[in-house]
Protein backbone atom coordinates (compact mmCIF):
# COMPACT_ATOMS: atom_id res chain seq x y z
CA UNK A 1 -151.18 -93.86 211.70
CA UNK A 2 -149.67 -90.36 211.40
CA UNK A 3 -148.13 -91.31 208.06
CA UNK A 4 -151.49 -92.53 206.77
CA UNK A 5 -153.17 -89.29 207.86
CA UNK A 6 -150.42 -87.24 206.21
CA UNK A 7 -150.79 -89.21 202.96
CA UNK A 8 -154.56 -88.70 203.06
CA UNK A 9 -154.14 -84.92 203.50
CA UNK A 10 -151.60 -84.78 200.64
CA UNK A 11 -154.03 -86.68 198.39
CA UNK A 12 -156.88 -84.29 199.24
CA UNK A 13 -154.71 -81.24 198.63
CA UNK A 14 -153.52 -82.66 195.29
CA UNK A 15 -157.14 -83.18 194.26
CA UNK A 16 -158.07 -79.61 195.17
CA UNK A 17 -155.01 -78.25 193.37
CA UNK A 18 -155.80 -80.27 190.24
CA UNK A 19 -159.39 -78.95 190.16
CA UNK A 20 -158.15 -75.37 190.56
CA UNK A 21 -155.60 -75.86 187.80
CA UNK A 22 -158.31 -77.20 185.49
CA UNK A 23 -160.44 -74.10 186.15
CA UNK A 24 -157.50 -71.78 185.41
CA UNK A 25 -156.68 -73.71 182.24
CA UNK A 26 -160.28 -73.44 181.01
CA UNK A 27 -160.30 -69.69 181.75
CA UNK A 28 -157.15 -69.27 179.69
CA UNK A 29 -158.67 -71.20 176.76
CA UNK A 30 -161.84 -69.07 176.91
CA UNK A 31 -160.00 -65.77 177.03
CA UNK A 32 -157.64 -66.81 174.24
CA UNK A 33 -160.54 -67.90 172.00
CA UNK A 34 -162.49 -64.70 172.70
CA UNK A 35 -159.49 -62.51 171.93
CA UNK A 36 -158.79 -64.45 168.73
CA UNK A 37 -162.39 -64.07 167.56
CA UNK A 38 -162.45 -60.35 168.44
CA UNK A 39 -159.15 -59.86 166.61
CA UNK A 40 -160.47 -61.70 163.55
CA UNK A 41 -163.61 -59.53 163.39
CA UNK A 42 -161.51 -56.39 163.80
CA UNK A 43 -159.05 -57.61 161.17
CA UNK A 44 -161.86 -58.37 158.69
CA UNK A 45 -163.14 -54.83 159.12
CA UNK A 46 -159.66 -53.37 158.62
CA UNK A 47 -159.11 -55.53 155.52
CA UNK A 48 -162.38 -54.29 154.02
CA UNK A 49 -161.26 -50.71 154.56
CA UNK A 50 -157.77 -51.40 153.22
CA UNK A 51 -158.90 -53.33 150.14
CA UNK A 52 -161.97 -51.13 149.58
CA UNK A 53 -164.16 -54.17 148.97
CA UNK A 54 -166.38 -56.55 150.89
CA UNK A 55 -164.56 -58.88 153.30
CA UNK A 56 -166.39 -61.67 155.14
CA UNK A 57 -165.51 -63.72 158.19
CA UNK A 58 -167.46 -66.98 158.23
CA UNK A 59 -167.76 -69.88 160.67
CA UNK A 60 -165.77 -72.79 159.24
CA UNK A 61 -166.83 -76.34 158.53
CA UNK A 62 -164.26 -79.12 158.25
CA UNK A 63 -164.63 -81.17 155.05
CA UNK A 64 -163.04 -84.22 156.64
CA UNK A 65 -163.26 -85.82 160.06
CA UNK A 66 -159.67 -84.73 160.69
CA UNK A 67 -159.36 -81.46 162.60
CA UNK A 68 -155.77 -80.87 161.47
CA UNK A 69 -154.69 -77.41 160.34
CA UNK A 70 -154.24 -78.63 156.74
CA UNK A 71 -157.66 -80.31 156.50
CA UNK A 72 -159.89 -78.80 153.77
CA UNK A 73 -162.23 -76.13 155.15
CA UNK A 74 -165.18 -74.14 153.82
CA UNK A 75 -167.85 -71.87 155.30
CA UNK A 76 -170.52 -73.51 157.48
CA UNK A 77 -173.72 -73.84 155.44
CA UNK A 78 -177.36 -74.54 156.30
CA UNK A 79 -176.99 -78.12 155.03
CA UNK A 80 -174.27 -78.70 157.67
CA UNK A 81 -176.95 -78.52 160.35
CA UNK A 82 -177.58 -76.09 163.16
CA UNK A 83 -175.46 -72.96 163.40
CA UNK A 84 -175.32 -73.42 167.18
CA UNK A 85 -171.64 -73.51 168.09
CA UNK A 86 -170.61 -73.21 164.41
CA UNK A 87 -167.82 -70.74 165.27
CA UNK A 88 -166.12 -73.38 167.45
CA UNK A 89 -164.86 -75.08 164.27
CA UNK A 90 -162.78 -72.00 163.46
CA UNK A 91 -163.32 -69.38 160.79
CA UNK A 92 -162.26 -68.13 157.38
CA UNK A 93 -161.66 -64.54 156.28
CA UNK A 94 -161.93 -63.84 152.56
CA UNK A 95 -162.65 -61.22 149.92
CA UNK A 96 -166.34 -61.78 149.22
CA UNK A 97 -166.41 -60.61 145.60
CA UNK A 98 -169.91 -61.97 144.90
CA UNK A 99 -171.40 -60.76 148.23
CA UNK A 100 -172.89 -64.13 149.20
CA UNK A 101 -171.26 -64.65 152.62
CA UNK A 102 -169.63 -67.92 151.50
CA UNK A 103 -166.05 -68.52 150.41
CA UNK A 104 -166.19 -69.60 146.76
CA UNK A 105 -163.52 -70.77 144.36
CA UNK A 106 -161.60 -67.79 143.03
CA UNK A 107 -162.16 -65.60 146.09
CA UNK A 108 -158.97 -64.70 147.95
CA UNK A 109 -158.70 -66.28 151.40
CA UNK A 110 -157.08 -63.79 153.76
CA UNK A 111 -156.90 -65.86 156.98
CA UNK A 112 -158.00 -69.11 158.56
CA UNK A 113 -158.44 -70.08 162.22
CA UNK A 114 -158.17 -73.70 163.35
CA UNK A 115 -160.90 -75.21 165.56
CA UNK A 116 -161.02 -73.93 169.13
CA UNK A 117 -160.10 -76.00 172.17
CA UNK A 118 -162.60 -78.77 172.96
CA UNK A 119 -163.67 -77.06 176.21
CA UNK A 120 -164.75 -73.88 174.37
CA UNK A 121 -168.10 -73.10 172.77
CA UNK A 122 -168.41 -70.21 170.29
CA UNK A 123 -171.76 -69.27 168.86
CA UNK A 124 -173.43 -66.22 167.33
CA UNK A 125 -176.93 -64.87 167.68
CA UNK A 126 -179.23 -64.97 164.64
CA UNK A 127 -177.66 -62.04 162.78
CA UNK A 128 -174.08 -63.35 163.11
CA UNK A 129 -174.80 -67.08 163.43
CA UNK A 130 -172.48 -68.03 160.58
CA UNK A 131 -170.84 -64.90 159.15
CA UNK A 132 -169.89 -61.28 159.76
CA UNK A 133 -169.35 -59.21 156.63
CA UNK A 134 -167.91 -55.74 156.09
CA UNK A 135 -168.32 -53.43 153.10
CA UNK A 136 -165.66 -51.15 151.62
CA UNK A 137 -166.57 -48.43 154.13
CA UNK A 138 -165.95 -50.77 157.09
CA UNK A 139 -169.63 -51.04 157.99
CA UNK A 140 -170.98 -54.48 158.84
CA UNK A 141 -173.47 -55.64 156.22
CA UNK A 142 -176.00 -58.41 155.70
CA UNK A 143 -176.20 -60.06 152.28
CA UNK A 144 -178.87 -57.60 151.14
CA UNK A 145 -176.77 -54.58 152.20
CA UNK A 146 -178.59 -53.71 155.45
CA UNK A 147 -176.48 -53.11 158.57
CA UNK A 148 -175.42 -56.21 160.48
CA UNK A 149 -175.08 -56.10 164.26
CA UNK A 150 -174.88 -59.03 166.62
CA UNK A 151 -173.14 -60.85 169.42
CA UNK A 152 -170.73 -63.77 169.30
CA UNK A 153 -170.52 -65.66 172.61
CA UNK A 154 -167.50 -67.60 173.83
CA UNK A 155 -168.06 -69.79 176.90
CA UNK A 156 -167.23 -73.12 178.54
CA UNK A 157 -169.12 -75.89 176.74
CA UNK A 158 -172.19 -77.32 178.51
CA UNK A 159 -171.94 -75.06 181.54
CA UNK A 160 -174.55 -73.02 183.38
CA UNK A 161 -174.15 -69.57 184.96
CA UNK A 162 -170.47 -69.20 184.24
CA UNK A 163 -168.34 -66.32 183.08
CA UNK A 164 -167.54 -66.06 179.41
CA UNK A 165 -167.02 -63.44 176.73
CA UNK A 166 -169.09 -61.53 174.18
CA UNK A 167 -167.74 -60.11 170.94
CA UNK A 168 -170.32 -57.45 170.12
CA UNK A 169 -170.45 -56.01 166.59
CA UNK A 170 -172.37 -52.73 166.58
CA UNK A 171 -174.41 -51.24 163.73
CA UNK A 172 -171.41 -49.44 162.18
CA UNK A 173 -169.25 -52.56 162.35
CA UNK A 174 -167.05 -51.80 165.35
CA UNK A 175 -166.44 -54.90 167.48
CA UNK A 176 -165.86 -54.80 171.23
CA UNK A 177 -164.91 -57.54 173.66
CA UNK A 178 -166.67 -57.77 177.01
CA UNK A 179 -166.69 -60.24 179.86
CA UNK A 180 -170.18 -61.57 180.60
CA UNK A 181 -172.14 -64.01 182.72
CA UNK A 182 -173.40 -66.77 180.42
CA UNK A 183 -176.56 -68.47 181.69
CA UNK A 184 -176.53 -71.50 179.38
CA UNK A 185 -173.53 -72.36 177.21
CA UNK A 186 -174.33 -74.72 174.31
CA UNK A 187 -172.67 -78.03 173.67
């Protein structure tokens, strides 16, 4: 009887430990994704200043069902469907020589990020839903040349009232990373 009780307690403790470990693992994935996205936005801005030309960071779309690093990738377009969670598929950084916010043949690709972990959601508000672009002066710009400011949100997929991260791009193009309470994280 004592052995059975001891085994039961060990099983309960293992279950609690496994749940705690899962929470820690998810937190690490979220923080890593948020830091990667923040670093990419900052790097795109620095590249624009260094190259003295427009550099764009766009949400990626896989061209095949394979999510391998060598799978063909392009910028997420309207025809790909909703931009909700588009950044979760990774991103591309490129010299945007024709100022259209989309990586085209002949434009130099500067960096590429693979899709994020399956537990992570990454989405942008309307102004940065599928790209962030920087002019030669390092200012964030829309396609028509107006300033571009917005917030990219990184959170645990399909969760409510949980902590996550915001990458906020201000009107002059400076990104900052801040921890935030996310009310409703998309799928």
